[in-house]
Amino acid sequence: SMSIHDRLGTIGPERVAHAMTQTRWIGPVTVTVATGITEQAIIALGTQGLTTITALWITSDRNISVTYGVAASNVPVNLDAGAVHCMSGTSLTALAFTNSSGATATITYLIAGS
């Protein structure tokens, strides 16, 4: 039988189609990115049921850069240590972090999408 695990628990087949079309929130998620890493993609896209990010909130304890969208088409945006990037109304199919700070960065993010 088909089911999906939602923040409220496992739901059955009658609600699967409805749940898959609704905005879903993931996070907060905390990851570490070693210095020297370029364009480390987040795993939530494609593996956690999201294909498009429509809203996000990101912070880091180190200066990093964030690429919103496909790296080949977009320029990384600096995110200073302790600062926050917050967006809504987006339609991102990729999100990646680059760390050239000289130390491991601890990054926390919260994303929404469908």
PDB file of N, CA and C in Angstrom:
ATOM      1  N   SER A   1       0.836  -1.177   0.000  1.00  0.00           N
ATOM      2  CA  SER A   1       0.000   0.000   0.000  1.00  0.00           C
ATOM      3  C   SER A   1       0.882   1.241   0.000  1.00  0.00           C
ATOM      4  N   MET A   2       0.397   2.269  -0.617  1.00  0.00           N
ATOM      5  CA  MET A   2       1.144   3.517  -0.750  1.00  0.00           C
ATOM      6  C   MET A   2       0.908   4.408   0.458  1.00  0.00           C
ATOM      7  N   SER A   3       1.986   4.957   1.023  1.00  0.00           N
ATOM      8  CA  SER A   3       1.851   5.894   2.132  1.00  0.00           C
ATOM      9  C   SER A   3       3.009   6.876   2.093  1.00  0.00           C
ATOM     10  N   ILE A   4       2.883   7.927   2.860  1.00  0.00           N
ATOM     11  CA  ILE A   4       3.937   8.938   2.934  1.00  0.00           C
ATOM     12  C   ILE A   4       4.069   9.361   4.391  1.00  0.00           C
ATOM     13  N   HIS A   5       5.291   9.661   4.794  1.00  0.00           N
ATOM     14  CA  HIS A   5       5.510  10.101   6.167  1.00  0.00           C
ATOM     15  C   HIS A   5       5.488  11.623   6.187  1.00  0.00           C
ATOM     16  N   ASP A   6       4.558  12.167   6.913  1.00  0.00           N
ATOM     17  CA  ASP A   6       4.349  13.602   7.040  1.00  0.00           C
ATOM     18  C   ASP A   6       4.787  14.029   8.434  1.00  0.00           C
ATOM     19  N   ARG A   7       4.890  15.338   8.682  1.00  0.00           N
ATOM     20  CA  ARG A   7       5.288  15.801  10.006  1.00  0.00           C
ATOM     21  C   ARG A   7       4.307  15.366  11.085  1.00  0.00           C
ATOM     22  N   LEU A   8       3.106  14.984  10.705  1.00  0.00           N
ATOM     23  CA  LEU A   8       2.112  14.505  11.661  1.00  0.00           C
ATOM     24  C   LEU A   8       2.073  12.989  11.747  1.00  0.00           C
ATOM     25  N   GLY A   9       2.960  12.321  11.044  1.00  0.00           N
ATOM     26  CA  GLY A   9       3.006  10.858  11.060  1.00  0.00           C
ATOM     27  C   GLY A   9       2.779  10.293   9.676  1.00  0.00           C
ATOM     28  N   THR A  10       2.525   8.993   9.611  1.00  0.00           N
ATOM     29  CA  THR A  10       2.310   8.326   8.337  1.00  0.00           C
ATOM     30  C   THR A  10       0.862   8.520   7.900  1.00  0.00           C
ATOM     31  N   ILE A  11       0.701   8.906   6.649  1.00  0.00           N
ATOM     32  CA  ILE A  11      -0.646   9.079   6.110  1.00  0.00           C
ATOM     33  C   ILE A  11      -0.858   8.067   4.997  1.00  0.00           C
ATOM     34  N   GLY A  12      -2.082   7.670   4.803  1.00  0.00           N
ATOM     35  CA  GLY A  12      -2.409   6.626   3.838  1.00  0.00           C
ATOM     36  C   GLY A  12      -2.620   7.133   2.430  1.00  0.00           C
ATOM     37  N   PRO A  13      -2.999   6.228   1.526  1.00  0.00           N
ATOM     38  CA  PRO A  13      -3.097   6.547   0.100  1.00  0.00           C
ATOM     39  C   PRO A  13      -4.093   7.632  -0.244  1.00  0.00           C
ATOM     40  N   GLU A  14      -5.149   7.789   0.556  1.00  0.00           N
ATOM     41  CA  GLU A  14      -6.146   8.802   0.235  1.00  0.00           C
ATOM     42  C   GLU A  14      -5.625  10.221   0.379  1.00  0.00           C
ATOM     43  N   ARG A  15      -4.541  10.424   1.143  1.00  0.00           N
ATOM     44  CA  ARG A  15      -3.990  11.759   1.324  1.00  0.00           C
ATOM     45  C   ARG A  15      -2.633  11.940   0.654  1.00  0.00           C
ATOM     46  N   VAL A  16      -2.082  10.896   0.035  1.00  0.00           N
ATOM     47  CA  VAL A  16      -0.756  11.004  -0.574  1.00  0.00           C
ATOM     48  C   VAL A  16      -0.731  12.068  -1.660  1.00  0.00           C
ATOM     49  N   ALA A  17      -1.671  12.012  -2.579  1.00  0.00           N
ATOM     50  CA  ALA A  17      -1.683  12.985  -3.677  1.00  0.00           C
ATOM     51  C   ALA A  17      -1.821  14.400  -3.138  1.00  0.00           C
ATOM     52  N   HIS A  18      -2.673  14.589  -2.146  1.00  0.00           N
ATOM     53  CA  HIS A  18      -2.850  15.915  -1.555  1.00  0.00           C
ATOM     54  C   HIS A  18      -1.559  16.384  -0.881  1.00  0.00           C
ATOM     55  N   ALA A  19      -0.922  15.517  -0.114  1.00  0.00           N
ATOM     56  CA  ALA A  19       0.303  15.888   0.606  1.00  0.00           C
ATOM     57  C   ALA A  19       1.435  16.237  -0.358  1.00  0.00           C
ATOM     58  N   MET A  20       1.482  15.566  -1.487  1.00  0.00           N
ATOM     59  CA  MET A  20       2.576  15.788  -2.432  1.00  0.00           C
ATOM     60  C   MET A  20       2.436  17.108  -3.179  1.00  0.00           C
ATOM     61  N   THR A  21       1.263  17.694  -3.196  1.00  0.00           N
ATOM     62  CA  THR A  21       1.081  18.954  -3.906  1.00  0.00           C
ATOM     63  C   THR A  21       1.169  20.162  -2.977  1.00  0.00           C
ATOM     64  N   GLN A  22       1.281  19.939  -1.697  1.00  0.00           N
ATOM     65  CA  GLN A  22       1.306  21.028  -0.728  1.00  0.00           C
ATOM     66  C   GLN A  22       2.736  21.457  -0.432  1.00  0.00           C
ATOM     67  N   THR A  23       2.878  22.673   0.051  1.00  0.00           N
ATOM     68  CA  THR A  23       4.181  23.150   0.500  1.00  0.00           C
ATOM     69  C   THR A  23       4.602  22.343   1.712  1.00  0.00           C
ATOM     70  N   ARG A  24       5.843  21.874   1.694  1.00  0.00           N
ATOM     71  CA  ARG A  24       6.388  21.086   2.785  1.00  0.00           C
ATOM     72  C   ARG A  24       7.607  21.811   3.335  1.00  0.00           C
ATOM     73  N   TRP A  25       7.728  21.852   4.655  1.00  0.00           N
ATOM     74  CA  TRP A  25       8.874  22.471   5.315  1.00  0.00           C
ATOM     75  C   TRP A  25       9.850  21.398   5.750  1.00  0.00           C
ATOM     76  N   ILE A  26      11.132  21.657   5.542  1.00  0.00           N
ATOM     77  CA  ILE A  26      12.189  20.757   6.002  1.00  0.00           C
ATOM     78  C   ILE A  26      13.151  21.581   6.839  1.00  0.00           C
ATOM     79  N   GLY A  27      13.405  21.106   8.043  1.00  0.00           N
ATOM     80  CA  GLY A  27      14.389  21.766   8.882  1.00  0.00           C
ATOM     81  C   GLY A  27      13.806  22.210  10.200  1.00  0.00           C
ATOM     82  N   PRO A  28      14.632  22.852  10.989  1.00  0.00           N
ATOM     83  CA  PRO A  28      15.979  23.282  10.618  1.00  0.00           C
ATOM     84  C   PRO A  28      16.942  22.101  10.493  1.00  0.00           C
ATOM     85  N   VAL A  29      17.811  22.201   9.501  1.00  0.00           N
ATOM     86  CA  VAL A  29      18.841  21.207   9.233  1.00  0.00           C
ATOM     87  C   VAL A  29      20.185  21.874   9.480  1.00  0.00           C
ATOM     88  N   THR A  30      21.075  21.193  10.195  1.00  0.00           N
ATOM     89  CA  THR A  30      22.418  21.715  10.422  1.00  0.00           C
ATOM     90  C   THR A  30      23.419  20.787   9.754  1.00  0.00           C
ATOM     91  N   VAL A  31      24.282  21.364   8.924  1.00  0.00           N
ATOM     92  CA  VAL A  31      25.317  20.604   8.228  1.00  0.00           C
ATOM     93  C   VAL A  31      26.661  21.287   8.445  1.00  0.00           C
ATOM     94  N   THR A  32      27.724  20.524   8.305  1.00  0.00           N
ATOM     95  CA  THR A  32      29.062  21.111   8.340  1.00  0.00           C
ATOM     96  C   THR A  32      29.655  21.016   6.941  1.00  0.00           C
ATOM     97  N   VAL A  33      30.358  22.062   6.566  1.00  0.00           N
ATOM     98  CA  VAL A  33      31.018  22.098   5.258  1.00  0.00           C
ATOM     99  C   VAL A  33      32.471  22.457   5.511  1.00  0.00           C
ATOM    100  N   ALA A  34      33.361  21.546   5.155  1.00  0.00           N
ATOM    101  CA  ALA A  34      34.798  21.758   5.375  1.00  0.00           C
ATOM    102  C   ALA A  34      35.312  22.900   4.513  1.00  0.00           C
ATOM    103  N   THR A  35      36.357  23.550   4.988  1.00  0.00           N
ATOM    104  CA  THR A  35      36.961  24.613   4.198  1.00  0.00           C
ATOM    105  C   THR A  35      37.502  24.024   2.898  1.00  0.00           C
ATOM    106  N   GLY A  36      37.415  24.777   1.835  1.00  0.00           N
ATOM    107  CA  GLY A  36      37.876  24.309   0.527  1.00  0.00           C
ATOM    108  C   GLY A  36      36.813  23.605  -0.297  1.00  0.00           C
ATOM    109  N   ILE A  37      35.655  23.340   0.292  1.00  0.00           N
ATOM    110  CA  ILE A  37      34.566  22.688  -0.438  1.00  0.00           C
ATOM    111  C   ILE A  37      33.859  23.722  -1.303  1.00  0.00           C
ATOM    112  N   THR A  38      33.627  23.365  -2.561  1.00  0.00           N
ATOM    113  CA  THR A  38      32.965  24.243  -3.514  1.00  0.00           C
ATOM    114  C   THR A  38      31.661  23.623  -3.983  1.00  0.00           C
ATOM    115  N   GLU A  39      30.584  24.390  -3.922  1.00  0.00           N
ATOM    116  CA  GLU A  39      29.272  24.000  -4.451  1.00  0.00           C
ATOM    117  C   GLU A  39      28.758  22.685  -3.858  1.00  0.00           C
ATOM    118  N   GLN A  40      28.781  22.579  -2.535  1.00  0.00           N
ATOM    119  CA  GLN A  40      28.186  21.403  -1.887  1.00  0.00           C
ATOM    120  C   GLN A  40      26.676  21.559  -1.905  1.00  0.00           C
ATOM    121  N   ALA A  41      26.016  20.699  -2.666  1.00  0.00           N
ATOM    122  CA  ALA A  41      24.559  20.777  -2.817  1.00  0.00           C
ATOM    123  C   ALA A  41      23.859  20.267  -1.572  1.00  0.00           C
ATOM    124  N   ILE A  42      22.703  20.846  -1.262  1.00  0.00           N
ATOM    125  CA  ILE A  42      21.915  20.327  -0.148  1.00  0.00           C
ATOM    126  C   ILE A  42      21.224  19.049  -0.611  1.00  0.00           C
ATOM    127  N   ILE A  43      21.008  18.127   0.320  1.00  0.00           N
ATOM    128  CA  ILE A  43      20.416  16.842  -0.053  1.00  0.00           C
ATOM    129  C   ILE A  43      18.894  16.849  -0.046  1.00  0.00           C
ATOM    130  N   ALA A  44      18.284  17.904   0.465  1.00  0.00           N
ATOM    131  CA  ALA A  44      16.821  17.938   0.580  1.00  0.00           C
ATOM    132  C   ALA A  44      16.128  17.924  -0.780  1.00  0.00           C
ATOM    133  N   LEU A  45      16.775  18.459  -1.795  1.00  0.00           N
ATOM    134  CA  LEU A  45      16.175  18.438  -3.128  1.00  0.00           C
ATOM    135  C   LEU A  45      16.361  17.050  -3.733  1.00  0.00           C
ATOM    136  N   GLY A  46      15.262  16.450  -4.109  1.00  0.00           N
ATOM    137  CA  GLY A  46      15.323  15.143  -4.744  1.00  0.00           C
ATOM    138  C   GLY A  46      15.273  13.971  -3.782  1.00  0.00           C
ATOM    139  N   THR A  47      15.766  14.129  -2.553  1.00  0.00           N
ATOM    140  CA  THR A  47      15.774  12.993  -1.632  1.00  0.00           C
ATOM    141  C   THR A  47      14.749  13.118  -0.518  1.00  0.00           C
ATOM    142  N   GLN A  48      14.260  14.299  -0.244  1.00  0.00           N
ATOM    143  CA  GLN A  48      13.307  14.510   0.840  1.00  0.00           C
ATOM    144  C   GLN A  48      11.931  14.907   0.313  1.00  0.00           C
ATOM    145  N   GLY A  49      11.675  14.639  -0.938  1.00  0.00           N
ATOM    146  CA  GLY A  49      10.359  14.922  -1.498  1.00  0.00           C
ATOM    147  C   GLY A  49      10.198  16.304  -2.094  1.00  0.00           C
ATOM    148  N   LEU A  50      11.260  17.091  -2.113  1.00  0.00           N
ATOM    149  CA  LEU A  50      11.175  18.423  -2.714  1.00  0.00           C
ATOM    150  C   LEU A  50      11.851  18.425  -4.080  1.00  0.00           C
ATOM    151  N   THR A  51      11.249  19.123  -5.016  1.00  0.00           N
ATOM    152  CA  THR A  51      11.891  19.351  -6.310  1.00  0.00           C
ATOM    153  C   THR A  51      12.144  20.837  -6.534  1.00  0.00           C
ATOM    154  N   THR A  52      11.403  21.681  -5.807  1.00  0.00           N
ATOM    155  CA  THR A  52      11.529  23.130  -5.947  1.00  0.00           C
ATOM    156  C   THR A  52      11.475  23.784  -4.571  1.00  0.00           C
ATOM    157  N   ILE A  53      12.417  24.700  -4.310  1.00  0.00           N
ATOM    158  CA  ILE A  53      12.416  25.467  -3.067  1.00  0.00           C
ATOM    159  C   ILE A  53      11.660  26.768  -3.312  1.00  0.00           C
ATOM    160  N   THR A  54      10.660  27.037  -2.472  1.00  0.00           N
ATOM    161  CA  THR A  54       9.864  28.257  -2.621  1.00  0.00           C
ATOM    162  C   THR A  54      10.140  29.279  -1.517  1.00  0.00           C
ATOM    163  N   ALA A  55      10.760  28.846  -0.426  1.00  0.00           N
ATOM    164  CA  ALA A  55      11.140  29.755   0.660  1.00  0.00           C
ATOM    165  C   ALA A  55      12.324  29.155   1.398  1.00  0.00           C
ATOM    166  N   LEU A  56      13.163  30.019   1.990  1.00  0.00           N
ATOM    167  CA  LEU A  56      14.324  29.510   2.716  1.00  0.00           C
ATOM    168  C   LEU A  56      14.820  30.496   3.748  1.00  0.00           C
ATOM    169  N   TRP A  57      15.590  29.968   4.687  1.00  0.00           N
ATOM    170  CA  TRP A  57      16.265  30.725   5.737  1.00  0.00           C
ATOM    171  C   TRP A  57      17.586  30.013   5.971  1.00  0.00           C
ATOM    172  N   ILE A  58      18.719  30.731   5.862  1.00  0.00           N
ATOM    173  CA  ILE A  58      20.053  30.132   5.993  1.00  0.00           C
ATOM    174  C   ILE A  58      20.922  31.018   6.874  1.00  0.00           C
ATOM    175  N   THR A  59      21.717  30.393   7.739  1.00  0.00           N
ATOM    176  CA  THR A  59      22.730  31.105   8.512  1.00  0.00           C
ATOM    177  C   THR A  59      23.957  30.212   8.658  1.00  0.00           C
ATOM    178  N   SER A  60      25.090  30.816   8.978  1.00  0.00           N
ATOM    179  CA  SER A  60      26.350  30.080   9.117  1.00  0.00           C
ATOM    180  C   SER A  60      27.210  30.732  10.189  1.00  0.00           C
ATOM    181  N   ASP A  61      28.084  29.927  10.798  1.00  0.00           N
ATOM    182  CA  ASP A  61      28.999  30.484  11.792  1.00  0.00           C
ATOM    183  C   ASP A  61      30.308  30.965  11.170  1.00  0.00           C
ATOM    184  N   ARG A  62      30.461  30.793   9.862  1.00  0.00           N
ATOM    185  CA  ARG A  62      31.646  31.248   9.122  1.00  0.00           C
ATOM    186  C   ARG A  62      31.199  31.993   7.870  1.00  0.00           C
ATOM    187  N   ASN A  63      32.063  32.811   7.323  1.00  0.00           N
ATOM    188  CA  ASN A  63      31.777  33.453   6.039  1.00  0.00           C
ATOM    189  C   ASN A  63      31.778  32.380   4.958  1.00  0.00           C
ATOM    190  N   ILE A  64      30.672  32.252   4.255  1.00  0.00           N
ATOM    191  CA  ILE A  64      30.548  31.286   3.159  1.00  0.00           C
ATOM    192  C   ILE A  64      29.899  31.996   1.981  1.00  0.00           C
ATOM    193  N   SER A  65      29.704  31.256   0.896  1.00  0.00           N
ATOM    194  CA  SER A  65      28.883  31.773  -0.198  1.00  0.00           C
ATOM    195  C   SER A  65      27.832  30.734  -0.533  1.00  0.00           C
ATOM    196  N   VAL A  66      26.700  31.217  -0.997  1.00  0.00           N
ATOM    197  CA  VAL A  66      25.559  30.367  -1.319  1.00  0.00           C
ATOM    198  C   VAL A  66      25.207  30.593  -2.781  1.00  0.00           C
ATOM    199  N   THR A  67      25.063  29.501  -3.510  1.00  0.00           N
ATOM    200  CA  THR A  67      24.635  29.595  -4.908  1.00  0.00           C
ATOM    201  C   THR A  67      23.167  29.200  -4.968  1.00  0.00           C
ATOM    202  N   TYR A  68      22.359  30.132  -5.410  1.00  0.00           N
ATOM    203  CA  TYR A  68      20.920  29.912  -5.552  1.00  0.00           C
ATOM    204  C   TYR A  68      20.634  29.546  -7.002  1.00  0.00           C
ATOM    205  N   GLY A  69      20.282  28.297  -7.230  1.00  0.00           N
ATOM    206  CA  GLY A  69      20.071  27.805  -8.586  1.00  0.00           C
ATOM    207  C   GLY A  69      21.283  27.017  -9.050  1.00  0.00           C
ATOM    208  N   VAL A  70      21.295  26.654 -10.310  1.00  0.00           N
ATOM    209  CA  VAL A  70      22.364  25.846 -10.896  1.00  0.00           C
ATOM    210  C   VAL A  70      23.651  26.665 -10.957  1.00  0.00           C
ATOM    211  N   ALA A  71      24.743  26.088 -10.465  1.00  0.00           N
ATOM    212  CA  ALA A  71      26.017  26.815 -10.353  1.00  0.00           C
ATOM    213  C   ALA A  71      26.509  27.368 -11.684  1.00  0.00           C
ATOM    214  N   ALA A  72      26.294  26.642 -12.765  1.00  0.00           N
ATOM    215  CA  ALA A  72      26.782  27.097 -14.066  1.00  0.00           C
ATOM    216  C   ALA A  72      26.077  28.366 -14.541  1.00  0.00           C
ATOM    217  N   SER A  73      24.894  28.622 -13.997  1.00  0.00           N
ATOM    218  CA  SER A  73      24.096  29.766 -14.448  1.00  0.00           C
ATOM    219  C   SER A  73      24.009  30.906 -13.438  1.00  0.00           C
ATOM    220  N   ASN A  74      24.542  30.714 -12.231  1.00  0.00           N
ATOM    221  CA  ASN A  74      24.331  31.687 -11.170  1.00  0.00           C
ATOM    222  C   ASN A  74      25.625  32.016 -10.431  1.00  0.00           C
ATOM    223  N   VAL A  75      25.694  33.206  -9.894  1.00  0.00           N
ATOM    224  CA  VAL A  75      26.864  33.682  -9.159  1.00  0.00           C
ATOM    225  C   VAL A  75      26.634  33.439  -7.669  1.00  0.00           C
ATOM    226  N   PRO A  76      27.634  32.897  -6.949  1.00  0.00           N
ATOM    227  CA  PRO A  76      27.483  32.716  -5.507  1.00  0.00           C
ATOM    228  C   PRO A  76      27.287  34.063  -4.799  1.00  0.00           C
ATOM    229  N   VAL A  77      26.467  34.060  -3.748  1.00  0.00           N
ATOM    230  CA  VAL A  77      26.175  35.251  -2.954  1.00  0.00           C
ATOM    231  C   VAL A  77      26.836  35.063  -1.586  1.00  0.00           C
ATOM    232  N   ASN A  78      27.609  36.058  -1.138  1.00  0.00           N
ATOM    233  CA  ASN A  78      28.274  35.954   0.155  1.00  0.00           C
ATOM    234  C   ASN A  78      27.270  35.946   1.296  1.00  0.00           C
ATOM    235  N   LEU A  79      27.551  35.106   2.300  1.00  0.00           N
ATOM    236  CA  LEU A  79      26.790  35.072   3.542  1.00  0.00           C
ATOM    237  C   LEU A  79      27.801  35.211   4.670  1.00  0.00           C
ATOM    238  N   ASP A  80      27.804  36.353   5.352  1.00  0.00           N
ATOM    239  CA  ASP A  80      28.744  36.600   6.439  1.00  0.00           C
ATOM    240  C   ASP A  80      28.373  35.787   7.670  1.00  0.00           C
ATOM    241  N   ALA A  81      29.370  35.431   8.460  1.00  0.00           N
ATOM    242  CA  ALA A  81      29.150  34.677   9.696  1.00  0.00           C
ATOM    243  C   ALA A  81      28.132  35.390  10.567  1.00  0.00           C
ATOM    244  N   GLY A  82      27.135  34.642  11.038  1.00  0.00           N
ATOM    245  CA  GLY A  82      26.115  35.195  11.912  1.00  0.00           C
ATOM    246  C   GLY A  82      24.982  35.913  11.203  1.00  0.00           C
ATOM    247  N   ALA A  83      25.131  36.163   9.914  1.00  0.00           N
ATOM    248  CA  ALA A  83      24.071  36.822   9.143  1.00  0.00           C
ATOM    249  C   ALA A  83      23.063  35.776   8.656  1.00  0.00           C
ATOM    250  N   VAL A  84      21.976  36.254   8.069  1.00  0.00           N
ATOM    251  CA  VAL A  84      20.908  35.374   7.602  1.00  0.00           C
ATOM    252  C   VAL A  84      20.528  35.741   6.177  1.00  0.00           C
ATOM    253  N   HIS A  85      20.304  34.733   5.353  1.00  0.00           N
ATOM    254  CA  HIS A  85      19.640  34.915   4.060  1.00  0.00           C
ATOM    255  C   HIS A  85      18.236  34.363   4.244  1.00  0.00           C
ATOM    256  N   CYS A  86      17.242  35.131   3.845  1.00  0.00           N
ATOM    257  CA  CYS A  86      15.850  34.718   3.966  1.00  0.00           C
ATOM    258  C   CYS A  86      15.136  35.118   2.677  1.00  0.00           C
ATOM    259  N   MET A  87      14.439  34.175   2.059  1.00  0.00           N
ATOM    260  CA  MET A  87      13.738  34.442   0.802  1.00  0.00           C
ATOM    261  C   MET A  87      12.390  33.751   0.799  1.00  0.00           C
ATOM    262  N   SER A  88      11.463  34.327   0.075  1.00  0.00           N
ATOM    263  CA  SER A  88      10.194  33.658  -0.200  1.00  0.00           C
ATOM    264  C   SER A  88       9.788  34.005  -1.618  1.00  0.00           C
ATOM    265  N   GLY A  89       8.871  33.241  -2.155  1.00  0.00           N
ATOM    266  CA  GLY A  89       8.436  33.480  -3.521  1.00  0.00           C
ATOM    267  C   GLY A  89       9.464  33.068  -4.554  1.00  0.00           C
ATOM    268  N   THR A  90      10.356  32.160  -4.183  1.00  0.00           N
ATOM    269  CA  THR A  90      11.384  31.697  -5.109  1.00  0.00           C
ATOM    270  C   THR A  90      10.916  30.448  -5.835  1.00  0.00           C
ATOM    271  N   SER A  91      11.702  29.998  -6.769  1.00  0.00           N
ATOM    272  CA  SER A  91      11.450  28.757  -7.480  1.00  0.00           C
ATOM    273  C   SER A  91      12.802  28.148  -7.828  1.00  0.00           C
ATOM    274  N   LEU A  92      13.518  27.694  -6.798  1.00  0.00           N
ATOM    275  CA  LEU A  92      14.878  27.178  -6.966  1.00  0.00           C
ATOM    276  C   LEU A  92      14.880  25.669  -7.113  1.00  0.00           C
ATOM    277  N   THR A  93      15.681  25.187  -8.045  1.00  0.00           N
ATOM    278  CA  THR A  93      15.825  23.741  -8.211  1.00  0.00           C
ATOM    279  C   THR A  93      17.222  23.275  -7.798  1.00  0.00           C
ATOM    280  N   ALA A  94      18.032  24.190  -7.278  1.00  0.00           N
ATOM    281  CA  ALA A  94      19.360  23.837  -6.764  1.00  0.00           C
ATOM    282  C   ALA A  94      19.764  24.872  -5.723  1.00  0.00           C
ATOM    283  N   LEU A  95      20.557  24.427  -4.744  1.00  0.00           N
ATOM    284  CA  LEU A  95      21.072  25.289  -3.692  1.00  0.00           C
ATOM    285  C   LEU A  95      22.372  24.657  -3.208  1.00  0.00           C
ATOM    286  N   ALA A  96      23.455  25.449  -3.170  1.00  0.00           N
ATOM    287  CA  ALA A  96      24.755  24.887  -2.796  1.00  0.00           C
ATOM    288  C   ALA A  96      25.567  25.872  -1.980  1.00  0.00           C
ATOM    289  N   PHE A  97      26.498  25.323  -1.175  1.00  0.00           N
ATOM    290  CA  PHE A  97      27.354  26.114  -0.304  1.00  0.00           C
ATOM    291  C   PHE A  97      28.816  25.963  -0.706  1.00  0.00           C
ATOM    292  N   THR A  98      29.565  27.068  -0.616  1.00  0.00           N
ATOM    293  CA  THR A  98      31.014  27.062  -0.834  1.00  0.00           C
ATOM    294  C   THR A  98      31.658  27.662   0.405  1.00  0.00           C
ATOM    295  N   ASN A  99      32.692  26.985   0.908  1.00  0.00           N
ATOM    296  CA  ASN A  99      33.374  27.452   2.107  1.00  0.00           C
ATOM    297  C   ASN A  99      34.860  27.637   1.830  1.00  0.00           C
ATOM    298  N   SER A 100      35.310  28.873   1.832  1.00  0.00           N
ATOM    299  CA  SER A 100      36.737  29.169   1.703  1.00  0.00           C
ATOM    300  C   SER A 100      37.212  29.999   2.896  1.00  0.00           C
ATOM    301  N   SER A 101      36.563  29.798   4.055  1.00  0.00           N
ATOM    302  CA  SER A 101      36.829  30.602   5.246  1.00  0.00           C
ATOM    303  C   SER A 101      38.107  30.209   5.981  1.00  0.00           C
ATOM    304  N   GLY A 102      38.628  29.017   5.705  1.00  0.00           N
ATOM    305  CA  GLY A 102      39.804  28.551   6.430  1.00  0.00           C
ATOM    306  C   GLY A 102      39.468  27.637   7.595  1.00  0.00           C
ATOM    307  N   ALA A 103      38.180  27.448   7.882  1.00  0.00           N
ATOM    308  CA  ALA A 103      37.737  26.560   8.958  1.00  0.00           C
ATOM    309  C   ALA A 103      36.401  25.925   8.558  1.00  0.00           C
ATOM    310  N   THR A 104      36.064  24.826   9.198  1.00  0.00           N
ATOM    311  CA  THR A 104      34.790  24.165   8.925  1.00  0.00           C
ATOM    312  C   THR A 104      33.631  25.080   9.307  1.00  0.00           C
ATOM    313  N   ALA A 105      32.662  25.192   8.414  1.00  0.00           N
ATOM    314  CA  ALA A 105      31.478  26.027   8.650  1.00  0.00           C
ATOM    315  C   ALA A 105      30.320  25.153   9.110  1.00  0.00           C
ATOM    316  N   THR A 106      29.597  25.633  10.099  1.00  0.00           N
ATOM    317  CA  THR A 106      28.358  24.989  10.534  1.00  0.00           C
ATOM    318  C   THR A 106      27.222  25.840   9.985  1.00  0.00           C
ATOM    319  N   ILE A 107      26.438  25.235   9.112  1.00  0.00           N
ATOM    320  CA  ILE A 107      25.374  25.944   8.399  1.00  0.00           C
ATOM    321  C   ILE A 107      24.032  25.372   8.833  1.00  0.00           C
ATOM    322  N   THR A 108      23.095  26.246   9.129  1.00  0.00           N
ATOM    323  CA  THR A 108      21.745  25.819   9.478  1.00  0.00           C
ATOM    324  C   THR A 108      20.785  26.420   8.464  1.00  0.00           C
ATOM    325  N   TYR A 109      19.879  25.572   7.954  1.00  0.00           N
ATOM    326  CA  TYR A 109      18.899  26.075   6.996  1.00  0.00           C
ATOM    327  C   TYR A 109      17.531  25.469   7.242  1.00  0.00           C
ATOM    328  N   LEU A 110      16.540  26.188   6.803  1.00  0.00           N
ATOM    329  CA  LEU A 110      15.146  25.780   6.821  1.00  0.00           C
ATOM    330  C   LEU A 110      14.621  26.101   5.439  1.00  0.00           C
ATOM    331  N   ILE A 111      14.027  25.106   4.785  1.00  0.00           N
ATOM    332  CA  ILE A 111      13.520  25.335   3.429  1.00  0.00           C
ATOM    333  C   ILE A 111      12.075  24.853   3.314  1.00  0.00           C
ATOM    334  N   ALA A 112      11.376  25.459   2.391  1.00  0.00           N
ATOM    335  CA  ALA A 112      10.011  25.047   2.077  1.00  0.00           C
ATOM    336  C   ALA A 112       9.917  24.858   0.577  1.00  0.00           C
ATOM    337  N   GLY A 113       9.017  24.009   0.165  1.00  0.00           N
ATOM    338  CA  GLY A 113       8.836  23.811  -1.262  1.00  0.00           C
ATOM    339  C   GLY A 113       7.822  22.742  -1.563  1.00  0.00           C
ATOM    340  N   SER A 114       7.893  22.288  -2.776  1.00  0.00           N
ATOM    341  CA  SER A 114       6.979  21.237  -3.215  1.00  0.00           C
ATOM    342  C   SER A 114       7.712  20.290  -4.126  1.00  0.00           C
TER     343      SER A 114
END
